[in-house]
C-alpha cells in the first residue's frame, strides 16, 4: 500500500472564488443572512473582487468587468458558481516546481500578482479533477 505523503506545513485553503453576475445581488446572503463583513472591492484579472472573511479562509465573489475576462468566459460556459479553489502554500515557487515535476499543466508558468497584492499561479483544471486551482504564498 502506497504511503500518503505528509501534509505540507502551513498549507491551507486560502479562499474559494465564486463567479457571480451581480455582486449587489450576491452580497446580501453573506452580509444579511450570515452576518459577515466584506472587505472593500478591488480589481484583478478583469473582475471586481469582494473578499469575505469566513473563518480561516475567505470567499471571493468575482464579477466580470469585461465580456472577455476569464470570469466572464467561465460564466458564459458554465454559469455562475464556484470558479476556483485557492490553496495557500509556504513556498509558491517550490510548489510550482513540484507541480511541473509531477506533470501538472500550469496556467501560469511563473507567479504573478493577484488580488490583495499576493503572488499567485493557477493550475489547469484538466489535470486537477476538473477544478481550477490557484496557489498562493
N, C-alpha and C. Protein backbone atom coordinates (compact mmCIF):
# COMPACT_ATOMS: atom_id res chain seq x y z
N UNK A 1 0.84 -1.17 0.00
CA UNK A 1 0.00 0.00 0.00
C UNK A 1 0.89 1.25 0.00
N UNK A 2 0.61 2.19 -0.90
CA UNK A 2 1.41 3.41 -1.01
C UNK A 2 1.19 4.29 0.20
N UNK A 3 2.26 4.89 0.66
CA UNK A 3 2.20 5.78 1.80
C UNK A 3 1.68 7.15 1.35
N UNK A 4 0.76 7.70 2.10
CA UNK A 4 0.26 9.04 1.83
C UNK A 4 1.33 10.04 2.26
N UNK A 5 1.67 11.01 1.39
CA UNK A 5 2.69 11.98 1.79
C UNK A 5 2.21 12.82 2.98
N UNK A 6 3.18 13.25 3.77
CA UNK A 6 2.86 14.13 4.89
C UNK A 6 2.34 15.45 4.33
N UNK A 7 1.39 16.08 5.02
CA UNK A 7 0.89 17.37 4.53
C UNK A 7 1.99 18.43 4.60
N UNK A 8 1.89 19.40 3.73
CA UNK A 8 2.85 20.50 3.73
C UNK A 8 2.52 21.40 4.92
N UNK A 9 3.50 21.62 5.82
CA UNK A 9 3.23 22.50 6.96
C UNK A 9 2.80 23.88 6.49
N UNK A 10 1.75 24.41 7.06
CA UNK A 10 1.26 25.74 6.71
C UNK A 10 0.32 25.78 5.53
N UNK A 11 0.12 24.66 4.83
CA UNK A 11 -0.80 24.66 3.68
C UNK A 11 -2.23 24.70 4.20
N UNK A 12 -3.06 25.49 3.53
CA UNK A 12 -4.47 25.57 3.91
C UNK A 12 -5.26 26.16 2.75
N UNK A 13 -6.58 26.10 2.87
CA UNK A 13 -7.42 26.76 1.87
C UNK A 13 -7.38 28.26 2.15
N UNK A 14 -6.96 29.03 1.16
CA UNK A 14 -6.91 30.48 1.30
C UNK A 14 -8.28 31.08 1.03
N UNK A 15 -8.88 30.68 -0.11
CA UNK A 15 -10.22 31.17 -0.43
C UNK A 15 -10.88 30.29 -1.48
N UNK A 16 -12.17 30.46 -1.59
CA UNK A 16 -12.97 29.85 -2.65
C UNK A 16 -13.45 31.01 -3.52
N UNK A 17 -13.15 30.96 -4.82
CA UNK A 17 -13.60 32.00 -5.74
C UNK A 17 -14.94 31.61 -6.35
N UNK A 18 -15.91 32.51 -6.23
CA UNK A 18 -17.26 32.26 -6.72
C UNK A 18 -17.59 33.30 -7.80
N UNK A 19 -17.84 32.82 -9.01
CA UNK A 19 -18.20 33.70 -10.12
C UNK A 19 -19.66 34.11 -9.99
N UNK A 20 -19.91 35.42 -10.05
CA UNK A 20 -21.28 35.94 -9.94
C UNK A 20 -21.52 36.93 -11.08
N UNK A 21 -22.78 37.09 -11.45
CA UNK A 21 -23.10 38.08 -12.48
C UNK A 21 -23.43 39.44 -11.88
N UNK A 22 -23.76 39.47 -10.56
CA UNK A 22 -24.18 40.70 -9.92
C UNK A 22 -23.77 40.68 -8.45
N UNK A 23 -22.72 41.42 -8.12
CA UNK A 23 -22.26 41.47 -6.73
C UNK A 23 -23.34 41.95 -5.78
N UNK A 24 -24.07 42.98 -6.19
CA UNK A 24 -25.12 43.54 -5.31
C UNK A 24 -26.18 42.50 -4.98
N UNK A 25 -26.46 41.61 -5.90
CA UNK A 25 -27.45 40.57 -5.65
C UNK A 25 -26.87 39.42 -4.82
N UNK A 26 -25.56 39.18 -4.94
CA UNK A 26 -24.93 38.06 -4.24
C UNK A 26 -24.56 38.40 -2.80
N UNK A 27 -24.20 39.63 -2.53
CA UNK A 27 -23.70 40.01 -1.21
C UNK A 27 -24.70 39.84 -0.05
N UNK A 28 -25.99 40.12 -0.22
CA UNK A 28 -26.90 40.03 0.93
C UNK A 28 -26.91 38.68 1.65
N UNK A 29 -26.70 37.59 0.94
CA UNK A 29 -26.65 36.29 1.63
C UNK A 29 -25.53 36.31 2.67
N UNK A 30 -24.37 36.81 2.29
CA UNK A 30 -23.21 36.82 3.18
C UNK A 30 -23.34 37.86 4.28
N UNK A 31 -23.88 39.04 3.94
CA UNK A 31 -23.97 40.12 4.91
C UNK A 31 -25.21 40.03 5.79
N UNK A 32 -26.38 39.82 5.19
CA UNK A 32 -27.63 39.83 5.95
C UNK A 32 -27.96 38.49 6.58
N UNK A 33 -27.69 37.40 5.87
CA UNK A 33 -28.03 36.08 6.41
C UNK A 33 -26.92 35.57 7.32
N UNK A 34 -25.67 35.62 6.85
CA UNK A 34 -24.57 35.08 7.64
C UNK A 34 -23.92 36.11 8.57
N UNK A 35 -24.23 37.40 8.36
CA UNK A 35 -23.70 38.45 9.23
C UNK A 35 -22.22 38.74 9.04
N UNK A 36 -21.68 38.45 7.86
CA UNK A 36 -20.26 38.66 7.60
C UNK A 36 -20.02 40.06 7.05
N UNK A 37 -18.81 40.55 7.22
CA UNK A 37 -18.44 41.88 6.74
C UNK A 37 -17.42 41.76 5.62
N UNK A 38 -17.78 42.14 4.41
CA UNK A 38 -16.84 42.04 3.28
C UNK A 38 -15.78 43.13 3.33
N UNK A 39 -14.65 42.82 2.72
CA UNK A 39 -13.61 43.83 2.50
C UNK A 39 -14.04 44.70 1.33
N UNK A 40 -13.48 45.90 1.19
CA UNK A 40 -13.82 46.74 0.04
C UNK A 40 -13.48 46.04 -1.28
N UNK A 41 -14.24 46.33 -2.34
CA UNK A 41 -13.96 45.71 -3.64
C UNK A 41 -12.60 46.13 -4.18
N UNK A 42 -12.01 45.23 -4.96
CA UNK A 42 -10.80 45.55 -5.69
C UNK A 42 -10.89 44.89 -7.06
N UNK A 43 -9.95 45.19 -7.92
CA UNK A 43 -10.00 44.61 -9.26
C UNK A 43 -8.72 43.84 -9.54
N UNK A 44 -8.88 42.74 -10.28
CA UNK A 44 -7.76 41.93 -10.75
C UNK A 44 -8.29 41.01 -11.84
N UNK A 45 -7.47 40.72 -12.83
CA UNK A 45 -7.84 39.78 -13.90
C UNK A 45 -9.18 40.08 -14.55
N UNK A 46 -9.50 41.37 -14.71
CA UNK A 46 -10.73 41.74 -15.39
C UNK A 46 -11.99 41.50 -14.57
N UNK A 47 -11.84 41.40 -13.24
CA UNK A 47 -13.00 41.17 -12.39
C UNK A 47 -12.99 42.13 -11.21
N UNK A 48 -14.16 42.45 -10.72
CA UNK A 48 -14.29 43.12 -9.43
C UNK A 48 -14.40 42.01 -8.40
N UNK A 49 -13.57 42.09 -7.36
CA UNK A 49 -13.48 41.03 -6.37
C UNK A 49 -13.84 41.58 -5.01
N UNK A 50 -14.78 40.91 -4.35
CA UNK A 50 -15.12 41.24 -2.97
C UNK A 50 -14.77 40.02 -2.12
N UNK A 51 -13.80 40.21 -1.21
CA UNK A 51 -13.39 39.14 -0.31
C UNK A 51 -14.19 39.23 0.98
N UNK A 52 -14.65 38.07 1.42
CA UNK A 52 -15.45 38.00 2.64
C UNK A 52 -14.77 37.01 3.58
N UNK A 53 -14.23 37.49 4.70
CA UNK A 53 -13.61 36.59 5.66
C UNK A 53 -14.63 35.57 6.17
N UNK A 54 -14.22 34.31 6.18
CA UNK A 54 -15.10 33.22 6.58
C UNK A 54 -14.25 32.23 7.38
N UNK A 55 -14.09 32.50 8.67
CA UNK A 55 -13.21 31.67 9.48
C UNK A 55 -11.76 31.89 9.06
N UNK A 56 -11.02 30.81 8.87
CA UNK A 56 -9.62 30.90 8.49
C UNK A 56 -9.44 31.11 6.98
N UNK A 57 -10.50 31.06 6.23
CA UNK A 57 -10.45 31.24 4.79
C UNK A 57 -11.37 32.39 4.39
N UNK A 58 -11.36 32.71 3.13
CA UNK A 58 -12.26 33.74 2.59
C UNK A 58 -13.11 33.15 1.48
N UNK A 59 -14.20 33.82 1.21
CA UNK A 59 -14.98 33.59 0.00
C UNK A 59 -14.73 34.83 -0.85
N UNK A 60 -14.35 34.64 -2.10
CA UNK A 60 -14.17 35.77 -3.01
C UNK A 60 -15.27 35.74 -4.06
N UNK A 61 -16.08 36.78 -4.07
CA UNK A 61 -17.09 36.92 -5.11
C UNK A 61 -16.43 37.64 -6.28
N UNK A 62 -16.56 37.07 -7.48
CA UNK A 62 -15.88 37.57 -8.67
C UNK A 62 -16.92 37.98 -9.71
N UNK A 63 -17.01 39.26 -9.98
CA UNK A 63 -17.92 39.75 -11.02
C UNK A 63 -17.10 40.26 -12.19
N UNK A 64 -17.35 39.75 -13.40
CA UNK A 64 -16.55 40.20 -14.54
C UNK A 64 -16.76 41.68 -14.82
N UNK A 65 -15.66 42.34 -15.22
CA UNK A 65 -15.72 43.76 -15.59
C UNK A 65 -15.82 43.93 -17.09
N UNK A 66 -15.36 42.92 -17.82
CA UNK A 66 -15.41 42.98 -19.28
C UNK A 66 -15.91 41.63 -19.80
N UNK A 67 -16.54 41.63 -20.98
CA UNK A 67 -17.08 40.37 -21.50
C UNK A 67 -16.03 39.36 -21.94
N UNK A 68 -14.76 39.79 -22.07
CA UNK A 68 -13.72 38.86 -22.48
C UNK A 68 -12.82 38.43 -21.32
N UNK A 69 -13.19 38.78 -20.08
CA UNK A 69 -12.38 38.41 -18.93
C UNK A 69 -12.52 36.91 -18.64
N UNK A 70 -11.54 36.32 -17.93
CA UNK A 70 -11.64 34.90 -17.60
C UNK A 70 -12.93 34.54 -16.85
N UNK A 71 -13.36 35.39 -15.94
CA UNK A 71 -14.59 35.09 -15.17
C UNK A 71 -15.81 35.18 -16.08
N UNK A 72 -15.84 36.15 -16.99
CA UNK A 72 -16.97 36.26 -17.93
C UNK A 72 -17.05 35.03 -18.81
N UNK A 73 -15.90 34.56 -19.29
CA UNK A 73 -15.89 33.34 -20.12
C UNK A 73 -16.35 32.13 -19.32
N UNK A 74 -15.95 32.06 -18.06
CA UNK A 74 -16.38 30.97 -17.20
C UNK A 74 -17.90 30.99 -17.05
N UNK A 75 -18.48 32.15 -16.75
CA UNK A 75 -19.93 32.26 -16.57
C UNK A 75 -20.65 31.93 -17.87
N UNK A 76 -20.11 32.36 -19.00
CA UNK A 76 -20.73 32.07 -20.29
C UNK A 76 -20.79 30.56 -20.54
N UNK A 77 -19.73 29.84 -20.19
CA UNK A 77 -19.68 28.39 -20.42
C UNK A 77 -20.45 27.59 -19.37
N UNK A 78 -20.29 27.98 -18.10
CA UNK A 78 -20.80 27.14 -17.01
C UNK A 78 -21.85 27.78 -16.14
N UNK A 79 -22.03 29.08 -16.27
CA UNK A 79 -22.96 29.79 -15.40
C UNK A 79 -22.26 30.18 -14.11
N UNK A 80 -22.94 30.96 -13.28
CA UNK A 80 -22.35 31.37 -12.00
C UNK A 80 -22.09 30.15 -11.12
N UNK A 81 -21.12 30.29 -10.24
CA UNK A 81 -20.83 29.22 -9.30
C UNK A 81 -19.37 29.21 -8.91
N UNK A 82 -18.93 28.11 -8.29
CA UNK A 82 -17.55 28.02 -7.84
C UNK A 82 -16.63 28.08 -9.06
N UNK A 83 -15.75 29.06 -9.04
CA UNK A 83 -14.81 29.29 -10.13
C UNK A 83 -13.47 28.59 -9.86
N UNK A 84 -12.97 28.73 -8.63
CA UNK A 84 -11.68 28.12 -8.29
C UNK A 84 -11.55 27.94 -6.78
N UNK A 85 -10.58 27.10 -6.42
CA UNK A 85 -10.18 26.94 -5.03
C UNK A 85 -8.73 27.38 -4.95
N UNK A 86 -8.43 28.22 -3.95
CA UNK A 86 -7.08 28.72 -3.78
C UNK A 86 -6.46 28.10 -2.54
N UNK A 87 -5.29 27.48 -2.73
CA UNK A 87 -4.55 26.88 -1.63
C UNK A 87 -3.35 27.75 -1.29
N UNK A 88 -3.20 28.07 -0.01
CA UNK A 88 -2.02 28.80 0.45
C UNK A 88 -0.93 27.77 0.75
N UNK A 89 0.25 28.00 0.18
CA UNK A 89 1.39 27.13 0.40
C UNK A 89 2.54 27.97 0.96
N UNK A 90 3.43 27.36 1.73
CA UNK A 90 4.50 28.16 2.33
C UNK A 90 5.54 28.66 1.32
N UNK A 91 5.68 27.98 0.18
CA UNK A 91 6.67 28.38 -0.82
C UNK A 91 6.07 28.14 -2.22
N UNK A 92 5.54 29.20 -2.82
CA UNK A 92 4.87 29.08 -4.11
C UNK A 92 5.83 28.59 -5.20
N UNK A 93 7.04 29.09 -5.22
CA UNK A 93 7.99 28.67 -6.24
C UNK A 93 8.29 27.17 -6.13
N UNK A 94 8.47 26.68 -4.92
CA UNK A 94 8.73 25.25 -4.72
C UNK A 94 7.50 24.43 -5.11
N UNK A 95 6.31 24.93 -4.81
CA UNK A 95 5.08 24.21 -5.18
C UNK A 95 4.94 24.11 -6.69
N UNK A 96 5.26 25.18 -7.41
CA UNK A 96 5.19 25.15 -8.87
C UNK A 96 6.23 24.20 -9.45
N UNK A 97 7.41 24.17 -8.86
CA UNK A 97 8.44 23.23 -9.30
C UNK A 97 7.95 21.80 -9.11
N UNK A 98 7.34 21.52 -7.96
CA UNK A 98 6.81 20.18 -7.69
C UNK A 98 5.68 19.83 -8.66
N UNK A 99 4.83 20.81 -8.99
CA UNK A 99 3.74 20.58 -9.95
C UNK A 99 4.30 20.23 -11.33
N UNK A 100 5.31 20.99 -11.76
CA UNK A 100 5.93 20.71 -13.06
C UNK A 100 6.53 19.31 -13.07
N UNK A 101 7.26 18.97 -12.01
CA UNK A 101 7.91 17.66 -11.93
C UNK A 101 6.90 16.52 -11.94
N UNK A 102 5.71 16.78 -11.38
CA UNK A 102 4.66 15.75 -11.33
C UNK A 102 3.82 15.73 -12.61
N UNK A 103 4.10 16.65 -13.54
CA UNK A 103 3.40 16.64 -14.83
C UNK A 103 2.11 17.44 -14.88
N UNK A 104 1.86 18.29 -13.88
CA UNK A 104 0.65 19.12 -13.92
C UNK A 104 0.84 20.26 -14.91
N UNK A 105 -0.23 20.58 -15.62
CA UNK A 105 -0.21 21.69 -16.59
C UNK A 105 -0.45 22.99 -15.83
N UNK A 106 0.44 23.95 -16.01
CA UNK A 106 0.33 25.23 -15.33
C UNK A 106 -0.31 26.26 -16.26
N UNK A 107 -1.24 27.01 -15.76
CA UNK A 107 -1.78 28.15 -16.49
C UNK A 107 -0.75 29.28 -16.41
N UNK A 108 -0.17 29.45 -15.24
CA UNK A 108 0.86 30.46 -15.00
C UNK A 108 2.18 29.75 -14.75
N UNK A 109 3.12 29.88 -15.68
CA UNK A 109 4.43 29.25 -15.52
C UNK A 109 5.23 29.88 -14.40
N UNK A 110 5.02 31.17 -14.19
CA UNK A 110 5.68 31.88 -13.09
C UNK A 110 4.61 32.63 -12.31
N UNK A 111 4.85 32.86 -11.03
CA UNK A 111 3.86 33.59 -10.22
C UNK A 111 3.64 35.00 -10.76
N UNK A 112 2.43 35.47 -10.54
CA UNK A 112 2.08 36.85 -10.91
C UNK A 112 1.33 37.46 -9.74
N UNK A 113 1.05 38.75 -9.83
CA UNK A 113 0.36 39.43 -8.74
C UNK A 113 -1.14 39.33 -8.95
N UNK A 114 -1.84 38.91 -7.90
CA UNK A 114 -3.29 38.79 -7.92
C UNK A 114 -3.92 39.76 -6.93
N UNK A 115 -5.14 39.46 -6.54
CA UNK A 115 -5.85 40.30 -5.58
C UNK A 115 -5.05 40.39 -4.28
N UNK A 116 -5.23 41.49 -3.59
CA UNK A 116 -4.56 41.76 -2.31
C UNK A 116 -3.04 41.87 -2.48
N UNK A 117 -2.54 41.98 -3.73
CA UNK A 117 -1.12 42.07 -3.97
C UNK A 117 -0.36 40.77 -3.73
N UNK A 118 -1.08 39.65 -3.63
CA UNK A 118 -0.47 38.36 -3.35
C UNK A 118 0.09 37.73 -4.64
N UNK A 119 1.16 36.98 -4.49
CA UNK A 119 1.69 36.20 -5.61
C UNK A 119 0.80 34.98 -5.80
N UNK A 120 0.43 34.72 -7.05
CA UNK A 120 -0.47 33.62 -7.35
C UNK A 120 -0.01 32.89 -8.62
N UNK A 121 -0.52 31.67 -8.78
CA UNK A 121 -0.35 30.92 -10.03
C UNK A 121 -1.48 29.91 -10.09
N UNK A 122 -2.01 29.70 -11.29
CA UNK A 122 -3.12 28.76 -11.48
C UNK A 122 -2.63 27.47 -12.13
N UNK A 123 -3.28 26.36 -11.77
CA UNK A 123 -3.07 25.07 -12.40
C UNK A 123 -4.26 24.79 -13.29
N UNK A 124 -4.02 24.18 -14.43
CA UNK A 124 -5.10 23.90 -15.38
C UNK A 124 -6.02 22.81 -14.83
N UNK A 125 -7.33 23.00 -14.96
CA UNK A 125 -8.28 22.03 -14.41
C UNK A 125 -8.25 20.65 -15.06
N UNK A 126 -7.68 20.53 -16.26
CA UNK A 126 -7.64 19.22 -16.91
C UNK A 126 -6.78 18.22 -16.13
N UNK A 127 -5.86 18.70 -15.33
CA UNK A 127 -5.02 17.80 -14.55
C UNK A 127 -5.39 17.72 -13.09
N UNK A 128 -6.42 18.45 -12.69
CA UNK A 128 -6.76 18.53 -11.26
C UNK A 128 -8.24 18.19 -11.03
N UNK A 129 -8.68 17.13 -11.64
CA UNK A 129 -10.06 16.64 -11.47
C UNK A 129 -11.12 17.68 -11.85
N UNK A 130 -10.79 18.52 -12.83
CA UNK A 130 -11.76 19.50 -13.32
C UNK A 130 -11.88 20.75 -12.49
N UNK A 131 -11.00 20.94 -11.51
CA UNK A 131 -11.06 22.11 -10.63
C UNK A 131 -9.92 23.06 -11.00
N UNK A 132 -10.26 24.32 -11.25
CA UNK A 132 -9.23 25.33 -11.44
C UNK A 132 -8.64 25.61 -10.06
N UNK A 133 -7.34 25.36 -9.92
CA UNK A 133 -6.69 25.55 -8.63
C UNK A 133 -5.73 26.73 -8.72
N UNK A 134 -5.84 27.60 -7.73
CA UNK A 134 -4.93 28.72 -7.59
C UNK A 134 -4.03 28.41 -6.40
N UNK A 135 -2.75 28.69 -6.56
CA UNK A 135 -1.80 28.57 -5.45
C UNK A 135 -1.32 29.96 -5.09
N UNK A 136 -1.10 30.20 -3.81
CA UNK A 136 -0.58 31.49 -3.33
C UNK A 136 0.31 31.23 -2.14
N UNK A 137 1.20 32.20 -1.88
CA UNK A 137 2.03 32.06 -0.68
C UNK A 137 1.83 33.21 0.27
